[in-house]
Amino acid sequence: MPARKMTSEIAILVAALEDAYEKAGWHGPSLRSVVRRVKAKEAVQRPNGAAHSVAELVLHCAYWKYAGVRRLTGARRGGFPIKGSNWFPVAARLTDADWKSHLWLLDDRHADLIETVRALPAKRLSEVPTGAKVTNLKLIYGLAAHDAYHAGQIRLLRGLLK
């Protein structure tokens, strides 16, 4: 089956998601770029007053990419590989392998989100998906803003850890 051509609206949303996740955006560093050189030991550290560690933020972002795909596709809950939702506790000692698996999960859920948005018919952008309070358009745009917000938060955390 030939690939469906994206409408300009969908292409703009995909570009916003990609800019916030892995490309250089006007807003500053992308989410993927701020975690690229983080080591497992640093990922679990929490400076005084910080609500979350880098590792917790990575899992949180991965979860909301999953939740966005679920809302856009109508899929049922239960497909996220870590039990719980939104915020996930991370062990005080994280192995390099566990940290890499968290980053892989983030990358994998981002790829799923991009694939889902690319396949979304533009006429569905004005729909409010089940379980959501906003349209698909606002949901997708919000997911890009979510990545940009947490990229800034992680950058600040890393600065406090130096």
N, C-alpha and C. Protein backbone atom coordinates (compact mmCIF):
# COMPACT_ATOMS: atom_id res chain seq x y z
N MET A 1 0.85 -1.17 0.00
CA MET A 1 0.00 0.00 0.00
C MET A 1 0.90 1.24 0.00
N PRO A 2 0.69 2.16 -0.92
CA PRO A 2 1.53 3.35 -0.96
C PRO A 2 1.30 4.24 0.26
N ALA A 3 2.34 4.93 0.65
CA ALA A 3 2.24 5.83 1.81
C ALA A 3 1.32 6.99 1.46
N ARG A 4 0.50 7.38 2.41
CA ARG A 4 -0.41 8.50 2.22
C ARG A 4 0.38 9.79 2.37
N LYS A 5 0.12 10.73 1.49
CA LYS A 5 0.82 12.01 1.56
C LYS A 5 0.26 12.81 2.74
N MET A 6 1.18 13.39 3.53
CA MET A 6 0.75 14.20 4.67
C MET A 6 0.21 15.53 4.18
N THR A 7 -0.83 16.00 4.86
CA THR A 7 -1.31 17.34 4.59
C THR A 7 -0.35 18.33 5.22
N SER A 8 -0.47 19.59 4.84
CA SER A 8 0.42 20.59 5.42
C SER A 8 0.22 20.71 6.93
N GLU A 9 -1.03 20.56 7.41
CA GLU A 9 -1.27 20.64 8.85
C GLU A 9 -0.55 19.53 9.60
N ILE A 10 -0.64 18.32 9.07
CA ILE A 10 0.02 17.17 9.70
C ILE A 10 1.54 17.34 9.61
N ALA A 11 2.04 17.80 8.47
CA ALA A 11 3.48 18.00 8.31
C ALA A 11 4.01 19.03 9.32
N ILE A 12 3.24 20.07 9.58
CA ILE A 12 3.65 21.09 10.56
C ILE A 12 3.70 20.48 11.96
N LEU A 13 2.72 19.66 12.29
CA LEU A 13 2.70 19.02 13.62
C LEU A 13 3.86 18.05 13.78
N VAL A 14 4.15 17.27 12.74
CA VAL A 14 5.29 16.35 12.78
C VAL A 14 6.58 17.15 12.96
N ALA A 15 6.72 18.26 12.25
CA ALA A 15 7.92 19.09 12.38
C ALA A 15 8.04 19.65 13.80
N ALA A 16 6.93 20.06 14.39
CA ALA A 16 6.97 20.58 15.77
C ALA A 16 7.40 19.49 16.74
N LEU A 17 6.88 18.28 16.56
CA LEU A 17 7.27 17.16 17.42
C LEU A 17 8.75 16.84 17.26
N GLU A 18 9.22 16.82 16.02
CA GLU A 18 10.63 16.51 15.76
C GLU A 18 11.56 17.61 16.28
N ASP A 19 11.16 18.87 16.12
CA ASP A 19 11.98 19.97 16.63
C ASP A 19 12.13 19.87 18.14
N ALA A 20 11.05 19.63 18.83
CA ALA A 20 11.10 19.56 20.29
C ALA A 20 11.85 18.33 20.77
N TYR A 21 11.82 17.26 19.99
CA TYR A 21 12.43 16.01 20.44
C TYR A 21 13.90 15.87 20.06
N GLU A 22 14.23 16.14 18.78
CA GLU A 22 15.61 15.85 18.41
C GLU A 22 16.29 16.82 17.47
N LYS A 23 15.62 17.82 17.06
CA LYS A 23 16.26 18.80 16.18
C LYS A 23 16.49 20.09 16.93
N ALA A 24 17.30 20.95 16.37
CA ALA A 24 17.55 22.25 17.00
C ALA A 24 16.34 23.14 16.75
N GLY A 25 15.64 23.47 17.81
CA GLY A 25 14.47 24.33 17.69
C GLY A 25 14.79 25.74 18.15
N TRP A 26 13.90 26.65 17.87
CA TRP A 26 14.09 28.04 18.29
C TRP A 26 14.07 28.16 19.81
N HIS A 27 13.43 27.22 20.46
CA HIS A 27 13.20 27.27 21.91
C HIS A 27 14.41 26.88 22.73
N GLY A 28 15.41 26.32 22.10
CA GLY A 28 16.58 25.85 22.84
C GLY A 28 16.85 24.40 22.51
N PRO A 29 17.50 23.69 23.41
CA PRO A 29 17.88 22.31 23.12
C PRO A 29 16.66 21.40 23.04
N SER A 30 16.80 20.34 22.27
CA SER A 30 15.73 19.35 22.17
C SER A 30 15.82 18.39 23.36
N LEU A 31 14.75 17.67 23.58
CA LEU A 31 14.72 16.70 24.68
C LEU A 31 15.82 15.66 24.52
N ARG A 32 15.94 15.11 23.33
CA ARG A 32 16.95 14.05 23.12
C ARG A 32 18.36 14.59 23.29
N SER A 33 18.59 15.84 22.87
CA SER A 33 19.95 16.38 22.99
C SER A 33 20.36 16.61 24.44
N VAL A 34 19.42 16.95 25.32
CA VAL A 34 19.80 17.21 26.71
C VAL A 34 20.05 15.94 27.51
N VAL A 35 19.60 14.79 27.01
CA VAL A 35 19.88 13.54 27.73
C VAL A 35 20.96 12.71 27.04
N ARG A 36 21.45 13.17 25.92
CA ARG A 36 22.40 12.39 25.11
C ARG A 36 23.64 11.96 25.89
N ARG A 37 24.23 12.83 26.67
CA ARG A 37 25.48 12.49 27.37
C ARG A 37 25.27 12.25 28.87
N VAL A 38 24.05 12.11 29.29
CA VAL A 38 23.77 11.85 30.71
C VAL A 38 24.14 10.41 31.02
N LYS A 39 24.85 10.21 32.10
CA LYS A 39 25.22 8.87 32.57
C LYS A 39 24.18 8.42 33.61
N ALA A 40 24.10 7.12 33.82
CA ALA A 40 23.12 6.55 34.76
C ALA A 40 23.23 7.18 36.14
N LYS A 41 24.44 7.36 36.62
CA LYS A 41 24.65 7.93 37.95
C LYS A 41 24.06 9.34 38.06
N GLU A 42 24.25 10.14 37.02
CA GLU A 42 23.72 11.50 37.00
C GLU A 42 22.19 11.49 36.84
N ALA A 43 21.68 10.53 36.09
CA ALA A 43 20.24 10.48 35.78
C ALA A 43 19.37 10.31 37.02
N VAL A 44 19.91 9.73 38.08
CA VAL A 44 19.10 9.50 39.28
C VAL A 44 19.31 10.56 40.36
N GLN A 45 20.27 11.43 40.15
CA GLN A 45 20.54 12.46 41.16
C GLN A 45 19.43 13.51 41.16
N ARG A 46 19.15 14.02 42.35
CA ARG A 46 18.13 15.05 42.50
C ARG A 46 18.72 16.18 43.34
N PRO A 47 19.02 17.32 42.72
CA PRO A 47 19.55 18.44 43.50
C PRO A 47 18.53 18.88 44.56
N ASN A 48 19.01 19.56 45.57
CA ASN A 48 18.11 20.06 46.63
C ASN A 48 16.94 20.81 46.03
N GLY A 49 15.75 20.43 46.45
CA GLY A 49 14.55 21.11 46.00
C GLY A 49 13.97 20.62 44.68
N ALA A 50 14.70 19.78 43.96
CA ALA A 50 14.20 19.29 42.67
C ALA A 50 13.11 18.24 42.90
N ALA A 51 12.03 18.38 42.18
CA ALA A 51 10.91 17.45 42.34
C ALA A 51 11.20 16.10 41.69
N HIS A 52 11.99 16.11 40.61
CA HIS A 52 12.22 14.87 39.86
C HIS A 52 13.66 14.80 39.38
N SER A 53 14.10 13.57 39.14
CA SER A 53 15.42 13.34 38.55
C SER A 53 15.28 13.31 37.03
N VAL A 54 16.41 13.33 36.34
CA VAL A 54 16.41 13.23 34.88
C VAL A 54 15.76 11.91 34.46
N ALA A 55 16.08 10.82 35.13
CA ALA A 55 15.51 9.52 34.78
C ALA A 55 13.99 9.53 34.92
N GLU A 56 13.49 10.14 35.98
CA GLU A 56 12.03 10.22 36.16
C GLU A 56 11.39 11.05 35.05
N LEU A 57 12.05 12.12 34.65
CA LEU A 57 11.52 12.97 33.58
C LEU A 57 11.52 12.23 32.24
N VAL A 58 12.55 11.43 31.99
CA VAL A 58 12.61 10.65 30.75
C VAL A 58 11.45 9.66 30.69
N LEU A 59 11.19 8.95 31.78
CA LEU A 59 10.08 8.00 31.79
C LEU A 59 8.74 8.71 31.69
N HIS A 60 8.61 9.86 32.33
CA HIS A 60 7.39 10.66 32.25
C HIS A 60 7.12 11.07 30.79
N CYS A 61 8.15 11.54 30.10
CA CYS A 61 7.98 11.94 28.70
C CYS A 61 7.64 10.74 27.82
N ALA A 62 8.28 9.62 28.05
CA ALA A 62 7.97 8.40 27.29
C ALA A 62 6.51 8.01 27.52
N TYR A 63 6.06 8.10 28.77
CA TYR A 63 4.68 7.73 29.09
C TYR A 63 3.69 8.62 28.34
N TRP A 64 3.93 9.93 28.30
CA TRP A 64 2.97 10.81 27.66
C TRP A 64 2.98 10.68 26.15
N LYS A 65 4.09 10.23 25.56
CA LYS A 65 4.09 9.91 24.13
C LYS A 65 3.20 8.69 23.90
N TYR A 66 3.34 7.69 24.78
CA TYR A 66 2.48 6.50 24.72
C TYR A 66 1.01 6.90 24.90
N ALA A 67 0.72 7.73 25.90
CA ALA A 67 -0.66 8.14 26.17
C ALA A 67 -1.24 8.92 24.99
N GLY A 68 -0.41 9.74 24.35
CA GLY A 68 -0.87 10.47 23.17
C GLY A 68 -1.24 9.53 22.04
N VAL A 69 -0.40 8.54 21.78
CA VAL A 69 -0.69 7.55 20.74
C VAL A 69 -1.97 6.80 21.09
N ARG A 70 -2.11 6.43 22.35
CA ARG A 70 -3.30 5.71 22.79
C ARG A 70 -4.56 6.54 22.53
N ARG A 71 -4.50 7.81 22.86
CA ARG A 71 -5.66 8.68 22.64
C ARG A 71 -5.94 8.88 21.15
N LEU A 72 -4.91 9.05 20.36
CA LEU A 72 -5.09 9.27 18.93
C LEU A 72 -5.62 8.03 18.21
N THR A 73 -5.28 6.86 18.71
CA THR A 73 -5.68 5.61 18.04
C THR A 73 -6.87 4.93 18.70
N GLY A 74 -7.23 5.35 19.90
CA GLY A 74 -8.31 4.69 20.61
C GLY A 74 -7.89 3.39 21.28
N ALA A 75 -6.59 3.15 21.37
CA ALA A 75 -6.09 1.92 22.00
C ALA A 75 -6.41 1.93 23.50
N ARG A 76 -6.49 0.74 24.06
CA ARG A 76 -6.78 0.61 25.49
C ARG A 76 -5.52 0.81 26.30
N ARG A 77 -5.72 1.13 27.57
CA ARG A 77 -4.59 1.26 28.50
C ARG A 77 -3.92 -0.10 28.68
N GLY A 78 -2.69 -0.05 29.15
CA GLY A 78 -2.01 -1.29 29.48
C GLY A 78 -0.83 -1.62 28.58
N GLY A 79 -0.56 -0.80 27.59
CA GLY A 79 0.53 -1.10 26.68
C GLY A 79 1.87 -0.51 27.06
N PHE A 80 1.91 0.27 28.15
CA PHE A 80 3.19 0.85 28.57
C PHE A 80 3.93 -0.21 29.37
N PRO A 81 5.22 -0.43 29.09
CA PRO A 81 5.94 -1.55 29.71
C PRO A 81 6.25 -1.41 31.20
N ILE A 82 6.02 -0.23 31.77
CA ILE A 82 6.27 -0.04 33.20
C ILE A 82 4.92 0.17 33.87
N LYS A 83 4.70 -0.54 34.96
CA LYS A 83 3.42 -0.45 35.65
C LYS A 83 3.25 0.95 36.26
N GLY A 84 2.06 1.51 36.10
CA GLY A 84 1.75 2.82 36.65
C GLY A 84 1.41 3.79 35.54
N SER A 85 1.40 5.07 35.89
CA SER A 85 1.13 6.10 34.90
C SER A 85 1.73 7.43 35.35
N ASN A 86 2.07 8.25 34.40
CA ASN A 86 2.55 9.61 34.60
C ASN A 86 3.94 9.69 35.22
N TRP A 87 4.08 9.41 36.51
CA TRP A 87 5.38 9.46 37.19
C TRP A 87 5.74 8.08 37.70
N PHE A 88 6.99 7.69 37.47
CA PHE A 88 7.45 6.35 37.83
C PHE A 88 8.65 6.46 38.76
N PRO A 89 8.63 5.72 39.86
CA PRO A 89 9.78 5.75 40.75
C PRO A 89 10.99 5.11 40.07
N VAL A 90 12.14 5.68 40.30
CA VAL A 90 13.38 5.16 39.73
C VAL A 90 14.31 4.83 40.90
N ALA A 91 14.93 3.67 40.83
CA ALA A 91 15.84 3.25 41.89
C ALA A 91 16.96 4.27 42.08
N ALA A 92 17.43 4.40 43.31
CA ALA A 92 18.52 5.34 43.61
C ALA A 92 19.80 4.97 42.87
N ARG A 93 19.96 3.70 42.59
CA ARG A 93 21.09 3.22 41.80
C ARG A 93 20.54 2.63 40.51
N LEU A 94 20.90 3.24 39.43
CA LEU A 94 20.42 2.82 38.12
C LEU A 94 21.62 2.28 37.34
N THR A 95 21.48 1.08 36.81
CA THR A 95 22.59 0.53 36.02
C THR A 95 22.64 1.22 34.66
N ASP A 96 23.80 1.14 34.02
CA ASP A 96 23.93 1.70 32.68
C ASP A 96 22.92 1.04 31.73
N ALA A 97 22.73 -0.27 31.88
CA ALA A 97 21.79 -0.98 31.02
C ALA A 97 20.36 -0.50 31.25
N ASP A 98 19.98 -0.27 32.50
CA ASP A 98 18.64 0.23 32.79
C ASP A 98 18.45 1.64 32.22
N TRP A 99 19.46 2.48 32.36
CA TRP A 99 19.37 3.84 31.83
C TRP A 99 19.23 3.80 30.31
N LYS A 100 20.02 2.94 29.66
CA LYS A 100 19.90 2.81 28.20
C LYS A 100 18.52 2.32 27.81
N SER A 101 17.94 1.43 28.61
CA SER A 101 16.59 0.95 28.29
C SER A 101 15.55 2.05 28.46
N HIS A 102 15.75 2.95 29.41
CA HIS A 102 14.85 4.10 29.57
C HIS A 102 14.94 5.01 28.33
N LEU A 103 16.17 5.25 27.87
CA LEU A 103 16.35 6.09 26.68
C LEU A 103 15.79 5.41 25.44
N TRP A 104 15.97 4.10 25.34
CA TRP A 104 15.39 3.36 24.22
C TRP A 104 13.87 3.48 24.25
N LEU A 105 13.26 3.36 25.43
CA LEU A 105 11.81 3.48 25.56
C LEU A 105 11.35 4.86 25.09
N LEU A 106 12.07 5.90 25.48
CA LEU A 106 11.74 7.25 25.04
C LEU A 106 11.81 7.35 23.52
N ASP A 107 12.88 6.85 22.92
CA ASP A 107 13.03 6.88 21.46
C ASP A 107 11.93 6.07 20.78
N ASP A 108 11.63 4.91 21.32
CA ASP A 108 10.62 4.03 20.73
C ASP A 108 9.24 4.66 20.78
N ARG A 109 8.89 5.24 21.90
CA ARG A 109 7.57 5.88 22.02
C ARG A 109 7.48 7.12 21.14
N HIS A 110 8.61 7.82 20.97
CA HIS A 110 8.60 8.97 20.07
C HIS A 110 8.37 8.50 18.63
N ALA A 111 9.05 7.44 18.23
CA ALA A 111 8.86 6.91 16.87
C ALA A 111 7.41 6.49 16.65
N ASP A 112 6.80 5.85 17.66
CA ASP A 112 5.38 5.48 17.56
C ASP A 112 4.50 6.71 17.39
N LEU A 113 4.79 7.75 18.15
CA LEU A 113 4.01 8.98 18.07
C LEU A 113 4.12 9.60 16.67
N ILE A 114 5.33 9.69 16.15
CA ILE A 114 5.53 10.27 14.82
C ILE A 114 4.78 9.47 13.77
N GLU A 115 4.89 8.15 13.83
CA GLU A 115 4.19 7.28 12.88
C GLU A 115 2.67 7.48 12.97
N THR A 116 2.16 7.58 14.19
CA THR A 116 0.72 7.77 14.40
C THR A 116 0.25 9.11 13.85
N VAL A 117 1.00 10.16 14.13
CA VAL A 117 0.60 11.49 13.66
C VAL A 117 0.69 11.56 12.13
N ARG A 118 1.72 10.99 11.54
CA ARG A 118 1.84 10.99 10.08
C ARG A 118 0.65 10.30 9.42
N ALA A 119 0.13 9.26 10.06
CA ALA A 119 -0.98 8.49 9.49
C ALA A 119 -2.35 9.10 9.79
N LEU A 120 -2.39 10.11 10.63
CA LEU A 120 -3.67 10.70 11.04
C LEU A 120 -4.27 11.54 9.91
N PRO A 121 -5.51 11.25 9.54
CA PRO A 121 -6.16 12.12 8.54
C PRO A 121 -6.37 13.52 9.12
N ALA A 122 -6.10 14.55 8.35
CA ALA A 122 -6.22 15.93 8.82
C ALA A 122 -7.62 16.23 9.34
N LYS A 123 -8.63 15.59 8.78
CA LYS A 123 -10.01 15.86 9.23
C LYS A 123 -10.22 15.44 10.69
N ARG A 124 -9.34 14.60 11.23
CA ARG A 124 -9.47 14.17 12.63
C ARG A 124 -8.82 15.13 13.61
N LEU A 125 -8.14 16.16 13.12
CA LEU A 125 -7.47 17.11 14.01
C LEU A 125 -8.46 17.86 14.90
N SER A 126 -9.67 18.05 14.44
CA SER A 126 -10.67 18.80 15.22
C SER A 126 -11.45 17.91 16.19
N GLU A 127 -11.24 16.60 16.14
CA GLU A 127 -11.94 15.68 17.05
C GLU A 127 -11.32 15.72 18.44
N VAL A 128 -12.16 15.45 19.44
CA VAL A 128 -11.68 15.29 20.82
C VAL A 128 -11.67 13.79 21.09
N PRO A 129 -10.49 13.19 21.26
CA PRO A 129 -10.42 11.75 21.47
C PRO A 129 -10.99 11.33 22.82
N THR A 130 -11.44 10.11 22.90
CA THR A 130 -11.95 9.56 24.15
C THR A 130 -10.88 9.67 25.23
N GLY A 131 -11.29 10.16 26.39
CA GLY A 131 -10.36 10.30 27.51
C GLY A 131 -9.59 11.60 27.51
N ALA A 132 -9.82 12.44 26.51
CA ALA A 132 -9.10 13.72 26.43
C ALA A 132 -10.09 14.88 26.61
N LYS A 133 -9.55 16.02 26.91
CA LYS A 133 -10.36 17.23 27.06
C LYS A 133 -10.08 18.24 25.95
N VAL A 134 -9.16 17.90 25.08
CA VAL A 134 -8.77 18.80 24.00
C VAL A 134 -8.82 18.07 22.67
N THR A 135 -8.80 18.83 21.59
CA THR A 135 -8.81 18.23 20.25
C THR A 135 -7.49 17.51 19.98
N ASN A 136 -7.51 16.68 18.94
CA ASN A 136 -6.28 16.01 18.53
C ASN A 136 -5.20 17.02 18.17
N LEU A 137 -5.60 18.13 17.56
CA LEU A 137 -4.64 19.18 17.22
C LEU A 137 -3.94 19.70 18.47
N LYS A 138 -4.71 20.06 19.49
CA LYS A 138 -4.12 20.58 20.73
C LYS A 138 -3.32 19.50 21.46
N LEU A 139 -3.78 18.26 21.39
CA LEU A 139 -3.05 17.16 22.02
C LEU A 139 -1.66 17.02 21.40
N ILE A 140 -1.60 17.01 20.07
CA ILE A 140 -0.31 16.83 19.39
C ILE A 140 0.59 18.03 19.63
N TYR A 141 0.04 19.22 19.48
CA TYR A 141 0.83 20.43 19.74
C TYR A 141 1.31 20.43 21.19
N GLY A 142 0.45 20.03 22.11
CA GLY A 142 0.81 19.96 23.52
C GLY A 142 1.92 18.97 23.80
N LEU A 143 1.95 17.87 23.06
CA LEU A 143 3.03 16.89 23.24
C LEU A 143 4.37 17.47 22.82
N ALA A 144 4.38 18.29 21.78
CA ALA A 144 5.62 18.96 21.37
C ALA A 144 6.05 19.95 22.45
N ALA A 145 5.10 20.72 22.97
CA ALA A 145 5.41 21.69 24.03
C ALA A 145 5.89 20.97 25.29
N HIS A 146 5.33 19.81 25.56
CA HIS A 146 5.71 19.00 26.72
C HIS A 146 7.18 18.62 26.64
N ASP A 147 7.62 18.17 25.47
CA ASP A 147 9.04 17.83 25.28
C ASP A 147 9.93 19.05 25.47
N ALA A 148 9.53 20.18 24.89
CA ALA A 148 10.34 21.40 25.01
C ALA A 148 10.43 21.84 26.47
N TYR A 149 9.33 21.77 27.18
CA TYR A 149 9.31 22.17 28.59
C TYR A 149 10.26 21.30 29.41
N HIS A 150 10.13 19.98 29.25
CA HIS A 150 10.97 19.08 30.06
C HIS A 150 12.43 19.09 29.61
N ALA A 151 12.70 19.42 28.34
CA ALA A 151 14.09 19.59 27.91
C ALA A 151 14.73 20.74 28.69
N GLY A 152 14.00 21.83 28.83
CA GLY A 152 14.51 22.95 29.62
C GLY A 152 14.70 22.59 31.07
N GLN A 153 13.76 21.84 31.61
CA GLN A 153 13.85 21.40 33.01
C GLN A 153 15.08 20.52 33.22
N ILE A 154 15.30 19.59 32.30
CA ILE A 154 16.46 18.70 32.41
C ILE A 154 17.76 19.50 32.28
N ARG A 155 17.78 20.45 31.38
CA ARG A 155 18.99 21.27 31.22
C ARG A 155 19.29 22.02 32.52
N LEU A 156 18.27 22.56 33.17
CA LEU A 156 18.47 23.24 34.45
C LEU A 156 18.95 22.27 35.53
N LEU A 157 18.35 21.08 35.58
CA LEU A 157 18.78 20.07 36.55
C LEU A 157 20.25 19.72 36.36
N ARG A 158 20.64 19.52 35.12
CA ARG A 158 22.03 19.17 34.84
C ARG A 158 22.97 20.28 35.26
N GLY A 159 22.56 21.52 35.08
CA GLY A 159 23.38 22.65 35.53
C GLY A 159 23.54 22.66 37.04
N LEU A 160 22.49 22.30 37.75
CA LEU A 160 22.55 22.26 39.22
C LEU A 160 23.41 21.11 39.73
N LEU A 161 23.56 20.07 38.91
CA LEU A 161 24.35 18.90 39.31
C LEU A 161 25.85 19.10 39.12
N LYS A 162 26.24 20.14 38.42
CA LYS A 162 27.68 20.36 38.16
C LYS A 162 28.35 21.01 39.33
